[in-house]
Amino acid sequence: MNRWKSKRNVLLPLIAIMIIVLILSACGKNESDNKNEGEATNKNNASSSVEEGPLSKYDPPIEVSFVRSTDDTLETNVLGNLSGETLADNRWTRLYEESLGIKIKYDWVVKGTDQYTQKLNVTLASGELPDVIQVDAIQLKQLADSDMIEDLTELYDKYASQLTKDTLAQEGTAPFDSTTIDGKLMGLPLTDGAIDRSQLLWIRTDWLEKLGLQPPKTMDDVLAISKAFTESDPDGNGKQDTFGLGLSRELWGGAMALEGFMAGYNAFPNMWVEDASGTVVYGGVQPEVKKALQVLQNMLKAQQIEKEFGIKDSGKVAEQFAVGKIGMEYGQQWNSLWPLQASRDNDPNAEWQAFPIVSETGDGAKVPLQSNTRLAYAVRKGAANPEAVIKMYNLHLEKNWGESEENDKYYAPPEAEGVWKLSPVTPGPAFKNLAAFREINAARQSGDTSALKGEAKTIQAKLDEFASGSKEGFALWGWERIYGPASSYSVIDQYDKNGQFLMDGFTTVPTPTMIERKSTLDKLQNETFINIILGDSIDSFDKFVTDWKRLGGDDITKEVNDARIK
């Protein structure tokens, strides 16, 4: 029996009568009645159509409203390279209308995640929600508690395709842990593959070779490379104007981040980890973090980290990579596409490679991974067709990874690699990228790539173009650094085979005190860490720990452990 269904045998006769009444009522309405009924009629008709399936089409078409953000990749690399396609009218919006009878409408569009968060908060406060809204776990809980969004439990059971169900099952119960509230599915999980956020150490290998250095095996090696990249004039201009390590004010995330560096000292901020007694504790207040911060402070004093990092966002720091002023960064598998491709564009001799993060001892470092479900699609309470987003979810997966896939058109065609971002709904299989690498690598080793299909075939075409040495292929260097023989996924493949992943110890819905205090505690943490790196007394970390616990951290820790017991 499905995990969300409950036995309501007493209601079955009543439900059967209601369905019959609705069907007879729908049959009895004429065309004029339907027009006058409006949104309420659409909802009744949708719920009474027993023939509807995961990819059934609305006739007449319906309109579904969203809100969303864009980014530089979408605006420049996608829309900038496509003729006749806009955010409002493109291959994805046309596909949803032609295949499902769903017309996409955007209530508002902003650029960047920060602006989206700000605009979204205003929207949530106003109560004027679109039909479908992408939210984080805390926002989902707040909306559910306020009875502002639909329970999707039965709709998911009815409309989710087998591909959707299989995809969401790839990482166990995690996708539903943060979207199921009081036993009800209150949001459709947006999974993005935790494994794809593995931390790597990207190093400029032409500088390594020039200075006679080897890739690092320990954190001491990392520090030695950083020192050499700062003091030994790797760019050959006779000036000490390069930095060993790139870091931005955001501190965490996909590029110029600290998670991988901290993991080298067995420190795991932003995660919940088990201590020796089996109790789950917050990684950001553990003594190992203090040690890592002291090392970073020493590096900045030695000018291995730019002093202005605390006021520079990742975009500004990316400019330093582009002009050849930074030699290392911790980040994720896609960093060769950004910010490192710009380094290569400006200097064809620049070479970057992803290496495993390392530990103090030289043993395999634990690679921190948080839940693959950080976001969800919630549906406004009273939306005419709450099941529509599930159908869109089904179709997005089908056209990219299903039996009728057209991955080279709808996911990453050569002319617009991020075209999948044009869709307002963007799920993907958790292990798709690692699976593609393994397929490509096996074909590469066999000497025959002709049998590749789907995403692996699309990626291999990019690798072939790069290997051809053509002008167009030069721009595909970043893809080779992700999927080639010595690439980011070759490292992640080894992480997986070696069992190096450390999963977050808390994946369920946010606790009450998290909802109330987490943003304040996160701000306190980040400000304290930045100030310590910039030169504040390392003992200010101890004050931070005390304040963190007093301002809600102790309560959150108790709630987290109580939730795990349940």
Protein backbone atom coordinates (compact mmCIF):
# COMPACT_ATOMS: atom_id res chain seq x y z
CA MET A 1 0.00 0.00 0.00
CA ASN A 2 1.26 3.49 -0.79
CA ARG A 3 2.93 5.17 2.16
CA TRP A 4 0.50 8.13 2.23
CA LYS A 5 -2.83 6.27 1.74
CA SER A 6 -5.02 5.60 4.70
CA LYS A 7 -8.04 3.39 4.92
CA ARG A 8 -11.25 5.32 4.65
CA ASN A 9 -13.67 2.52 3.80
CA VAL A 10 -16.53 4.35 5.42
CA LEU A 11 -16.21 7.15 2.87
CA LEU A 12 -15.98 4.97 -0.24
CA PRO A 13 -19.72 4.84 -0.99
CA LEU A 14 -19.98 8.60 -0.57
CA ILE A 15 -16.98 9.19 -2.84
CA ALA A 16 -18.48 6.90 -5.49
CA ILE A 17 -21.75 8.86 -5.38
CA MET A 18 -19.86 12.17 -5.65
CA ILE A 19 -17.93 10.96 -8.69
CA ILE A 20 -21.14 9.86 -10.43
CA VAL A 21 -22.77 13.21 -9.66
CA LEU A 22 -19.75 15.12 -10.99
CA ILE A 23 -19.65 13.09 -14.19
CA LEU A 24 -23.37 13.55 -14.81
CA SER A 25 -23.08 17.22 -13.99
CA ALA A 26 -20.13 17.67 -16.38
CA CYS A 27 -21.98 15.84 -19.14
CA GLY A 28 -25.04 18.00 -18.60
CA LYS A 29 -23.23 21.32 -18.88
CA ASN A 30 -23.27 23.04 -22.22
CA GLU A 31 -20.42 25.07 -23.66
CA SER A 32 -21.84 28.34 -22.34
CA ASP A 33 -22.06 26.93 -18.82
CA ASN A 34 -18.42 25.86 -18.94
CA LYS A 35 -17.25 29.34 -19.92
CA ASN A 36 -19.21 30.90 -17.08
CA GLU A 37 -17.98 28.42 -14.50
CA GLY A 38 -14.34 29.49 -15.01
CA GLU A 39 -11.62 28.18 -12.75
CA ALA A 40 -13.88 26.15 -10.45
CA THR A 41 -15.27 24.19 -13.42
CA ASN A 42 -11.75 23.42 -14.68
CA LYS A 43 -10.91 21.92 -11.31
CA ASN A 44 -14.06 19.82 -11.17
CA ASN A 45 -13.61 18.59 -14.72
CA ALA A 46 -9.98 17.66 -14.04
CA SER A 47 -10.85 15.71 -10.90
CA SER A 48 -13.76 13.88 -12.54
CA SER A 49 -11.82 12.63 -15.57
CA VAL A 50 -11.04 9.04 -14.61
CA GLU A 51 -9.21 8.45 -17.93
CA GLU A 52 -6.52 11.05 -17.19
CA GLY A 53 -2.98 9.75 -16.88
CA PRO A 54 0.58 10.98 -16.23
CA LEU A 55 0.90 12.65 -19.66
CA SER A 56 -2.73 13.27 -20.57
CA LYS A 57 -3.55 16.52 -22.37
CA TYR A 58 -5.94 19.22 -21.23
CA ASP A 59 -8.54 20.09 -23.86
CA PRO A 60 -9.20 22.95 -23.91
CA PRO A 61 -5.76 24.10 -22.73
CA ILE A 62 -5.29 25.49 -19.24
CA GLU A 63 -3.00 28.23 -17.93
CA VAL A 64 -0.61 27.61 -15.04
CA SER A 65 1.21 30.53 -13.39
CA PHE A 66 4.73 30.47 -11.95
CA VAL A 67 7.35 32.86 -10.59
CA ARG A 68 11.05 32.35 -11.26
CA SER A 69 14.60 33.65 -11.44
CA THR A 70 17.14 33.70 -14.26
CA ASP A 71 20.93 33.71 -14.27
CA ASP A 72 23.80 34.64 -16.58
CA THR A 73 23.94 31.15 -18.09
CA LEU A 74 20.27 31.26 -19.02
CA GLU A 75 20.29 34.82 -20.34
CA THR A 76 23.62 34.73 -22.19
CA ASN A 77 24.50 31.15 -23.08
CA VAL A 78 20.96 29.97 -23.76
CA LEU A 79 18.66 32.79 -24.84
CA GLY A 80 21.62 34.70 -26.25
CA ASN A 81 22.37 31.82 -28.62
CA LEU A 82 18.82 30.91 -29.62
CA SER A 83 16.86 32.62 -32.35
CA GLY A 84 13.11 32.95 -31.93
CA GLU A 85 13.02 31.77 -28.33
CA THR A 86 12.32 33.82 -25.22
CA LEU A 87 11.66 32.97 -21.61
CA ALA A 88 7.92 33.23 -22.28
CA ASP A 89 7.96 31.41 -25.64
CA ASN A 90 10.49 28.64 -26.19
CA ARG A 91 10.84 24.93 -26.93
CA TRP A 92 9.80 23.98 -23.40
CA THR A 93 6.75 26.24 -23.16
CA ARG A 94 5.68 25.01 -26.61
CA LEU A 95 6.21 21.40 -25.62
CA TYR A 96 4.09 21.75 -22.49
CA GLU A 97 1.30 23.38 -24.50
CA GLU A 98 1.46 20.96 -27.44
CA SER A 99 1.84 17.77 -25.39
CA LEU A 100 -0.08 18.58 -22.21
CA GLY A 101 -2.30 21.53 -23.09
CA ILE A 102 -0.58 23.63 -20.42
CA LYS A 103 0.17 27.30 -21.10
CA ILE A 104 2.92 28.76 -18.93
CA LYS A 105 2.48 32.21 -17.43
CA TYR A 106 5.03 34.03 -15.24
CA ASP A 107 3.64 36.45 -12.64
CA TRP A 108 7.14 37.86 -12.24
CA VAL A 109 10.76 37.10 -13.19
CA VAL A 110 13.91 38.37 -11.47
CA LYS A 111 17.62 37.73 -11.94
CA GLY A 112 19.61 35.81 -9.36
CA THR A 113 18.77 33.74 -6.31
CA ASP A 114 19.08 36.67 -3.89
CA GLN A 115 16.50 38.73 -5.75
CA TYR A 116 14.26 35.68 -6.05
CA THR A 117 14.39 35.13 -2.30
CA GLN A 118 13.56 38.76 -1.59
CA LYS A 119 10.72 38.91 -4.12
CA LEU A 120 9.40 35.55 -2.99
CA ASN A 121 9.23 36.67 0.63
CA VAL A 122 7.13 39.65 -0.43
CA THR A 123 4.88 37.35 -2.46
CA LEU A 124 4.43 34.92 0.40
CA ALA A 125 3.62 37.75 2.80
CA SER A 126 1.01 39.13 0.42
CA GLY A 127 -0.73 35.79 0.05
CA GLU A 128 -1.05 36.40 -3.70
CA LEU A 129 0.60 33.18 -4.80
CA PRO A 130 0.99 31.84 -8.34
CA ASP A 131 -0.43 28.40 -9.11
CA VAL A 132 2.99 26.78 -8.61
CA ILE A 133 5.81 28.18 -6.52
CA GLN A 134 9.34 26.88 -5.93
CA VAL A 135 10.18 27.05 -2.23
CA ASP A 136 12.77 25.81 0.23
CA ALA A 137 11.98 23.50 3.13
CA ILE A 138 11.29 26.27 5.64
CA GLN A 139 8.98 28.15 3.26
CA LEU A 140 7.16 24.90 2.48
CA LYS A 141 6.54 24.26 6.17
CA GLN A 142 5.32 27.82 6.72
CA LEU A 143 2.92 27.62 3.78
CA ALA A 144 1.62 24.24 4.91
CA ASP A 145 1.09 25.46 8.48
CA SER A 146 -0.82 28.46 7.08
CA ASP A 147 -3.02 26.18 4.94
CA MET A 148 -1.97 28.07 1.79
CA ILE A 149 -0.94 25.09 -0.35
CA GLU A 150 -2.51 21.88 -1.63
CA ASP A 151 -2.01 18.40 -0.24
CA LEU A 152 -0.52 16.51 -3.21
CA THR A 153 -0.65 13.04 -1.68
CA GLU A 154 -3.46 11.52 -3.71
CA LEU A 155 -2.60 13.53 -6.83
CA TYR A 156 0.95 12.17 -6.75
CA ASP A 157 -0.37 8.63 -6.43
CA LYS A 158 -2.65 9.15 -9.40
CA TYR A 159 -0.60 11.26 -11.80
CA ALA A 160 3.11 10.59 -11.17
CA SER A 161 4.59 8.46 -13.95
CA GLN A 162 6.61 5.37 -13.17
CA LEU A 163 9.72 7.24 -14.35
CA THR A 164 8.99 10.02 -11.85
CA LYS A 165 8.45 7.54 -9.03
CA ASP A 166 11.60 5.62 -9.91
CA THR A 167 13.61 8.85 -10.13
CA LEU A 168 12.44 10.07 -6.72
CA ALA A 169 13.24 6.66 -5.20
CA GLN A 170 16.91 6.77 -6.22
CA GLU A 171 18.03 8.23 -2.90
CA GLY A 172 15.66 6.38 -0.63
CA THR A 173 13.17 8.38 1.42
CA ALA A 174 15.26 11.59 1.44
CA PRO A 175 13.25 13.39 -1.29
CA PHE A 176 10.07 12.96 0.74
CA ASP A 177 11.55 13.51 4.20
CA SER A 178 11.54 17.29 3.77
CA THR A 179 8.31 17.55 1.77
CA THR A 180 5.99 15.33 3.80
CA ILE A 181 4.36 17.24 6.65
CA ASP A 182 2.04 15.51 9.12
CA GLY A 183 1.88 12.54 6.78
CA LYS A 184 0.86 14.63 3.77
CA LEU A 185 2.91 15.34 0.65
CA MET A 186 2.85 19.15 0.60
CA GLY A 187 5.39 19.71 -2.17
CA LEU A 188 6.74 17.91 -5.20
CA PRO A 189 10.45 17.33 -4.43
CA LEU A 190 12.99 18.99 -6.73
CA THR A 191 15.94 16.62 -6.64
CA ASP A 192 19.31 17.57 -8.05
CA GLY A 193 21.57 14.70 -7.04
CA ALA A 194 23.52 15.13 -3.82
CA ILE A 195 26.50 13.40 -5.40
CA ASP A 196 26.76 16.19 -8.00
CA ARG A 197 27.57 18.63 -5.20
CA SER A 198 30.68 16.71 -4.16
CA GLN A 199 33.53 19.02 -3.22
CA LEU A 200 36.67 18.94 -5.36
CA LEU A 201 39.97 20.81 -5.37
CA TRP A 202 40.54 22.59 -8.71
CA ILE A 203 44.22 23.40 -9.33
CA ARG A 204 45.92 25.23 -12.14
CA THR A 205 48.20 22.42 -13.28
CA ASP A 206 50.34 24.48 -15.67
CA TRP A 207 51.47 26.42 -12.59
CA LEU A 208 52.13 23.17 -10.74
CA GLU A 209 54.38 21.99 -13.56
CA LYS A 210 56.15 25.32 -13.90
CA LEU A 211 57.03 25.33 -10.19
CA GLY A 212 57.93 21.62 -10.08
CA LEU A 213 55.11 20.69 -7.69
CA GLN A 214 53.03 17.53 -7.38
CA PRO A 215 49.28 17.27 -6.75
CA PRO A 216 48.49 17.33 -3.00
CA LYS A 217 48.09 14.25 -0.85
CA THR A 218 47.65 16.04 2.50
CA MET A 219 46.47 19.44 3.72
CA ASP A 220 50.11 20.40 4.30
CA ASP A 221 50.64 19.84 0.58
CA VAL A 222 47.67 22.13 -0.18
CA LEU A 223 49.20 24.84 1.99
CA ALA A 224 52.60 24.42 0.34
CA ILE A 225 51.04 24.79 -3.11
CA SER A 226 49.13 27.88 -1.98
CA LYS A 227 52.35 29.43 -0.66
CA ALA A 228 54.22 28.70 -3.90
CA PHE A 229 51.40 30.04 -6.08
CA THR A 230 51.54 33.26 -4.05
CA GLU A 231 55.27 33.80 -3.69
CA SER A 232 56.98 32.06 -6.60
CA ASP A 233 55.64 34.14 -9.50
CA PRO A 234 53.74 31.36 -11.33
CA ASP A 235 52.51 33.79 -14.02
CA GLY A 236 56.06 34.95 -14.73
CA ASN A 237 55.42 38.69 -14.64
CA GLY A 238 58.06 39.40 -12.00
CA LYS A 239 55.49 40.56 -9.42
CA GLN A 240 53.93 38.99 -6.34
CA ASP A 241 50.36 39.55 -7.52
CA THR A 242 48.84 36.07 -7.51
CA PHE A 243 46.85 34.26 -4.82
CA GLY A 244 47.01 30.64 -3.79
CA LEU A 245 43.32 30.14 -2.96
CA GLY A 246 40.16 31.74 -4.31
CA LEU A 247 37.41 32.48 -1.81
CA SER A 248 34.25 34.61 -1.93
CA ARG A 249 32.07 36.24 0.71
CA GLU A 250 29.39 33.56 0.17
CA LEU A 251 31.77 31.04 1.82
CA TRP A 252 29.72 27.98 0.83
CA GLY A 253 28.29 26.35 -2.28
CA GLY A 254 29.36 25.46 -5.78
CA ALA A 255 32.46 27.56 -6.36
CA MET A 256 35.17 29.36 -4.34
CA ALA A 257 33.73 27.60 -1.30
CA LEU A 258 34.99 26.37 2.07
CA GLU A 259 33.25 23.00 2.52
CA GLY A 260 36.06 21.04 0.87
CA PHE A 261 38.81 22.93 2.71
CA MET A 262 37.06 22.47 6.06
CA ALA A 263 36.57 18.76 5.37
CA GLY A 264 40.34 18.47 5.14
CA TYR A 265 40.38 19.18 8.89
CA ASN A 266 37.39 16.90 9.57
CA ALA A 267 35.15 19.95 9.99
CA PHE A 268 31.65 20.02 8.51
CA PRO A 269 29.82 23.35 8.91
CA ASN A 270 26.18 23.56 7.75
CA MET A 271 25.68 19.83 8.40
CA TRP A 272 24.45 17.66 11.23
CA VAL A 273 26.86 14.87 12.14
CA GLU A 274 26.94 12.10 14.72
CA ASP A 275 29.35 12.43 17.63
CA ALA A 276 31.00 9.52 19.43
CA SER A 277 27.87 8.91 21.54
CA GLY A 278 25.57 8.71 18.54
CA THR A 279 23.99 12.09 19.23
CA VAL A 280 23.58 14.38 16.24
CA VAL A 281 25.41 17.70 16.62
CA TYR A 282 25.75 20.76 14.43
CA GLY A 283 29.05 20.71 12.56
CA GLY A 284 29.50 24.47 12.50
CA VAL A 285 30.18 24.72 16.25
CA GLN A 286 32.68 21.86 16.57
CA PRO A 287 36.33 22.51 17.55
CA GLU A 288 37.62 21.24 14.20
CA VAL A 289 36.08 24.32 12.57
CA LYS A 290 38.14 26.59 14.83
CA LYS A 291 41.35 24.92 13.69
CA ALA A 292 40.44 25.31 10.00
CA LEU A 293 39.60 29.00 10.54
CA GLN A 294 42.98 29.59 12.15
CA VAL A 295 44.70 28.09 9.09
CA LEU A 296 42.65 30.30 6.76
CA GLN A 297 43.51 33.37 8.84
CA ASN A 298 47.20 32.52 8.51
CA MET A 299 46.81 32.13 4.75
CA LEU A 300 45.19 35.54 4.42
CA LYS A 301 47.93 37.16 6.52
CA ALA A 302 50.43 35.60 4.13
CA GLN A 303 48.48 37.15 1.21
CA GLN A 304 47.51 33.74 -0.15
CA ILE A 305 43.84 34.81 0.02
CA GLU A 306 42.78 38.22 -1.26
CA LYS A 307 42.00 40.56 1.65
CA GLU A 308 38.90 41.88 -0.13
CA PHE A 309 37.26 38.43 -0.35
CA GLY A 310 34.88 39.39 2.47
CA ILE A 311 33.17 42.01 0.30
CA LYS A 312 33.43 40.24 -3.07
CA ASP A 313 30.72 37.94 -4.35
CA SER A 314 31.58 34.95 -6.51
CA GLY A 315 31.08 36.96 -9.70
CA LYS A 316 33.76 39.46 -8.68
CA VAL A 317 36.18 36.72 -7.62
CA ALA A 318 35.53 34.96 -10.94
CA GLU A 319 37.07 37.99 -12.64
CA GLN A 320 40.33 37.24 -10.81
CA PHE A 321 40.32 33.70 -12.17
CA ALA A 322 39.68 35.05 -15.66
CA VAL A 323 42.78 37.26 -15.61
CA GLY A 324 45.02 34.55 -14.15
CA LYS A 325 45.45 35.77 -10.57
CA ILE A 326 44.28 32.69 -8.60
CA GLY A 327 45.67 29.16 -8.72
CA MET A 328 43.29 27.01 -6.63
CA GLU A 329 39.68 26.81 -5.51
CA TYR A 330 37.37 24.34 -3.83
CA GLY A 331 34.12 23.77 -5.69
CA GLN A 332 31.88 21.37 -7.54
CA GLN A 333 32.12 19.33 -10.74
CA TRP A 334 30.96 22.11 -13.08
CA ASN A 335 33.60 24.69 -12.13
CA SER A 336 35.48 24.15 -15.39
CA LEU A 337 32.49 25.73 -17.14
CA TRP A 338 32.47 28.63 -14.67
CA PRO A 339 34.61 30.34 -13.53
CA LEU A 340 37.54 28.44 -15.04
CA GLN A 341 36.57 28.45 -18.74
CA ALA A 342 37.20 32.21 -18.76
CA SER A 343 40.75 31.59 -17.50
CA ARG A 344 41.28 29.26 -20.46
CA ASP A 345 39.65 31.69 -22.89
CA ASN A 346 42.04 34.48 -21.90
CA ASP A 347 45.10 32.23 -21.73
CA PRO A 348 45.04 29.09 -23.94
CA ASN A 349 47.98 27.74 -21.94
CA ALA A 350 46.00 27.77 -18.69
CA GLU A 351 45.25 24.22 -17.57
CA TRP A 352 42.97 23.26 -14.69
CA GLN A 353 42.17 19.87 -13.26
CA ALA A 354 39.91 18.60 -10.48
CA PHE A 355 41.62 16.62 -7.70
CA PRO A 356 40.19 14.83 -4.67
CA ILE A 357 39.93 16.84 -1.48
CA VAL A 358 42.56 15.64 0.98
CA SER A 359 42.86 15.26 4.75
CA GLU A 360 45.56 16.21 7.26
CA THR A 361 46.70 12.59 7.52
CA GLY A 362 46.58 11.66 3.86
CA ASP A 363 43.76 9.20 4.43
CA GLY A 364 40.75 9.59 2.17
CA ALA A 365 38.85 12.68 3.30
CA LYS A 366 35.17 12.45 4.11
CA VAL A 367 33.23 14.23 1.38
CA PRO A 368 30.28 16.15 2.87
CA LEU A 369 26.93 15.77 1.14
CA GLN A 370 23.63 17.35 2.08
CA SER A 371 20.23 16.02 1.11
CA ASN A 372 19.49 16.11 -2.60
CA THR A 373 16.13 17.75 -1.87
CA ARG A 374 16.52 21.38 -0.89
CA LEU A 375 13.61 22.74 -2.90
CA ALA A 376 10.08 21.74 -3.78
CA TYR A 377 7.21 22.81 -6.00
CA ALA A 378 4.21 23.80 -3.91
CA VAL A 379 0.76 24.34 -5.38
CA ARG A 380 -1.47 27.21 -4.29
CA LYS A 381 -4.51 26.22 -2.27
CA GLY A 382 -7.50 26.31 -4.60
CA ALA A 383 -5.47 26.18 -7.84
CA ALA A 384 -7.73 24.97 -10.66
CA ASN A 385 -5.47 22.10 -11.73
CA PRO A 386 -3.08 21.18 -8.90
CA GLU A 387 -2.03 18.01 -10.73
CA ALA A 388 -0.64 20.00 -13.69
CA VAL A 389 2.82 20.44 -12.15
CA ILE A 390 3.09 16.66 -11.70
CA LYS A 391 2.38 16.15 -15.40
CA MET A 392 5.03 18.75 -16.26
CA TYR A 393 7.46 16.96 -13.95
CA ASN A 394 6.69 13.70 -15.76
CA LEU A 395 7.23 15.23 -19.20
CA HIS A 396 10.51 16.92 -18.27
CA LEU A 397 11.94 13.59 -17.15
CA GLU A 398 10.46 11.73 -20.14
CA LYS A 399 11.90 14.05 -22.80
CA ASN A 400 15.36 13.95 -21.26
CA TRP A 401 15.71 10.44 -19.82
CA GLY A 402 12.64 8.45 -20.83
CA GLU A 403 11.88 6.14 -23.74
CA SER A 404 10.99 9.09 -26.00
CA GLU A 405 14.00 11.16 -24.93
CA GLU A 406 15.28 14.03 -27.04
CA ASN A 407 18.09 14.99 -24.72
CA ASP A 408 20.06 16.79 -27.42
CA LYS A 409 17.08 19.11 -28.00
CA TYR A 410 15.60 19.65 -24.58
CA TYR A 411 18.55 19.32 -22.20
CA ALA A 412 21.95 20.35 -23.54
CA PRO A 413 22.14 20.92 -27.30
CA PRO A 414 25.53 22.18 -28.54
CA GLU A 415 24.21 25.64 -29.32
CA ALA A 416 22.61 26.15 -25.89
CA GLU A 417 23.96 23.80 -23.23
CA GLY A 418 21.65 24.94 -20.45
CA VAL A 419 18.41 24.87 -22.45
CA TRP A 420 16.77 22.75 -19.76
CA LYS A 421 16.67 25.91 -17.63
CA LEU A 422 13.96 27.32 -19.90
CA SER A 423 11.53 24.93 -18.25
CA PRO A 424 9.89 26.19 -15.04
CA VAL A 425 10.07 22.61 -13.73
CA THR A 426 13.53 21.02 -13.79
CA PRO A 427 13.82 17.59 -12.10
CA GLY A 428 16.61 15.17 -12.91
CA PRO A 429 17.76 11.68 -11.85
CA ALA A 430 20.06 11.80 -8.85
CA PHE A 431 22.88 9.80 -10.46
CA LYS A 432 22.45 10.81 -14.09
CA ASN A 433 25.79 12.63 -14.42
CA LEU A 434 27.86 9.91 -12.79
CA ALA A 435 26.00 7.32 -14.86
CA ALA A 436 26.77 9.29 -18.03
CA PHE A 437 30.46 9.47 -17.10
CA ARG A 438 30.62 5.73 -16.49
CA GLU A 439 28.92 5.00 -19.81
CA ILE A 440 31.26 7.35 -21.65
CA ASN A 441 34.33 6.05 -19.85
CA ALA A 442 33.45 2.42 -20.61
CA ALA A 443 32.90 3.28 -24.27
CA ARG A 444 36.14 5.27 -24.34
CA GLN A 445 38.11 2.35 -22.95
CA SER A 446 36.53 -0.03 -25.46
CA GLY A 447 37.39 2.31 -28.32
CA ASP A 448 33.79 2.43 -29.58
CA THR A 449 31.47 5.27 -28.57
CA SER A 450 28.91 4.67 -31.33
CA ALA A 451 26.43 2.86 -29.08
CA LEU A 452 26.07 5.74 -26.62
CA LYS A 453 22.61 7.26 -26.38
CA GLY A 454 20.72 9.96 -24.54
CA GLU A 455 22.72 12.35 -22.37
CA ALA A 456 25.91 10.30 -22.70
CA LYS A 457 25.71 10.58 -26.50
CA THR A 458 25.16 14.34 -26.29
CA ILE A 459 28.15 14.79 -23.98
CA GLN A 460 30.37 12.56 -26.12
CA ALA A 461 29.61 14.77 -29.14
CA LYS A 462 31.00 17.72 -27.17
CA LEU A 463 34.12 15.74 -26.25
CA ASP A 464 34.63 14.76 -29.88
CA GLU A 465 34.31 18.38 -30.98
CA PHE A 466 36.84 19.45 -28.37
CA ALA A 467 39.25 16.72 -29.45
CA SER A 468 38.97 17.87 -33.07
CA GLY A 469 40.85 21.04 -32.24
CA SER A 470 38.26 23.21 -33.99
CA LYS A 471 37.55 26.78 -32.98
CA GLU A 472 34.13 25.71 -31.73
CA GLY A 473 35.70 22.86 -29.81
CA PHE A 474 37.93 25.23 -27.86
CA ALA A 475 34.87 26.50 -26.01
CA LEU A 476 34.07 22.92 -24.95
CA TRP A 477 37.22 22.54 -22.86
CA GLY A 478 35.09 22.80 -19.72
CA TRP A 479 33.09 19.71 -20.73
CA GLU A 480 36.25 17.69 -21.24
CA ARG A 481 37.36 18.66 -17.74
CA ILE A 482 34.06 17.27 -16.40
CA TYR A 483 33.74 14.03 -18.40
CA GLY A 484 37.18 13.32 -19.86
CA PRO A 485 39.65 10.68 -18.60
CA ALA A 486 41.15 13.01 -15.96
CA SER A 487 38.03 14.91 -14.98
CA SER A 488 35.82 15.93 -12.10
CA TYR A 489 33.62 12.87 -12.53
CA SER A 490 36.61 10.56 -12.58
CA VAL A 491 37.25 11.86 -9.04
CA ILE A 492 33.59 11.55 -7.98
CA ASP A 493 33.56 8.02 -9.40
CA GLN A 494 36.39 7.16 -7.02
CA TYR A 495 34.68 8.89 -4.08
CA ASP A 496 31.69 6.65 -4.68
CA LYS A 497 33.70 3.45 -5.07
CA ASN A 498 35.76 4.26 -1.97
CA GLY A 499 32.72 5.00 0.19
CA GLN A 500 33.97 8.49 1.10
CA PHE A 501 30.63 10.31 1.25
CA LEU A 502 29.40 11.71 4.56
CA MET A 503 25.66 12.38 4.42
CA ASP A 504 23.92 15.06 6.45
CA GLY A 505 22.41 13.57 9.62
CA PHE A 506 19.17 15.56 9.32
CA THR A 507 16.88 15.43 6.27
CA THR A 508 13.34 15.88 7.61
CA VAL A 509 11.17 19.00 7.67
CA PRO A 510 12.63 22.00 9.54
CA THR A 511 12.00 22.04 13.27
CA PRO A 512 10.02 24.91 14.89
CA THR A 513 13.12 26.69 16.16
CA MET A 514 14.88 26.24 12.81
CA ILE A 515 12.04 28.10 11.16
CA GLU A 516 12.23 30.87 13.72
CA ARG A 517 15.99 31.20 14.23
CA LYS A 518 18.01 29.48 11.50
CA SER A 519 18.50 32.53 9.29
CA THR A 520 19.75 34.54 12.28
CA LEU A 521 22.13 31.76 13.31
CA ASP A 522 23.42 31.33 9.76
CA LYS A 523 24.12 35.05 9.51
CA LEU A 524 25.92 35.00 12.84
CA GLN A 525 28.03 32.06 11.74
CA ASN A 526 29.06 33.53 8.40
CA GLU A 527 29.89 36.96 9.82
CA THR A 528 31.98 35.38 12.57
CA PHE A 529 33.87 33.12 10.17
CA ILE A 530 34.62 35.94 7.72
CA ASN A 531 35.82 38.23 10.50
CA ILE A 532 38.10 35.53 11.93
CA ILE A 533 39.65 34.87 8.53
CA LEU A 534 40.14 38.63 8.13
CA GLY A 535 42.01 38.82 11.45
CA ASP A 536 39.67 38.78 14.46
CA SER A 537 40.89 36.82 17.47
CA ILE A 538 40.45 33.10 16.94
CA ASP A 539 38.87 33.02 20.41
CA SER A 540 35.85 34.85 18.98
CA PHE A 541 34.89 31.41 17.69
CA ASP A 542 34.26 30.33 21.29
CA LYS A 543 31.95 33.31 21.81
CA PHE A 544 30.15 32.40 18.59
CA VAL A 545 29.56 28.86 19.87
CA THR A 546 28.15 30.19 23.14
CA ASP A 547 25.92 32.69 21.34
CA TRP A 548 24.79 30.09 18.79
CA LYS A 549 23.64 27.76 21.53
CA ARG A 550 21.96 30.54 23.53
CA LEU A 551 20.13 32.04 20.55
CA GLY A 552 18.40 28.81 19.61
CA GLY A 553 21.10 26.31 18.70
CA ASP A 554 20.57 24.17 21.79
CA ASP A 555 16.83 24.06 21.16
CA ILE A 556 17.36 23.12 17.51
CA THR A 557 19.80 20.37 18.50
CA LYS A 558 17.23 18.87 20.88
CA GLU A 559 14.49 19.09 18.23
CA VAL A 560 16.72 17.45 15.61
CA ASN A 561 17.53 14.53 17.88
CA ASP A 562 13.90 14.16 18.97
CA ALA A 563 12.83 14.10 15.30
CA ARG A 564 15.34 11.35 14.54
CA ILE A 565 13.97 9.22 17.39
CA LYS A 566 10.46 9.53 15.97
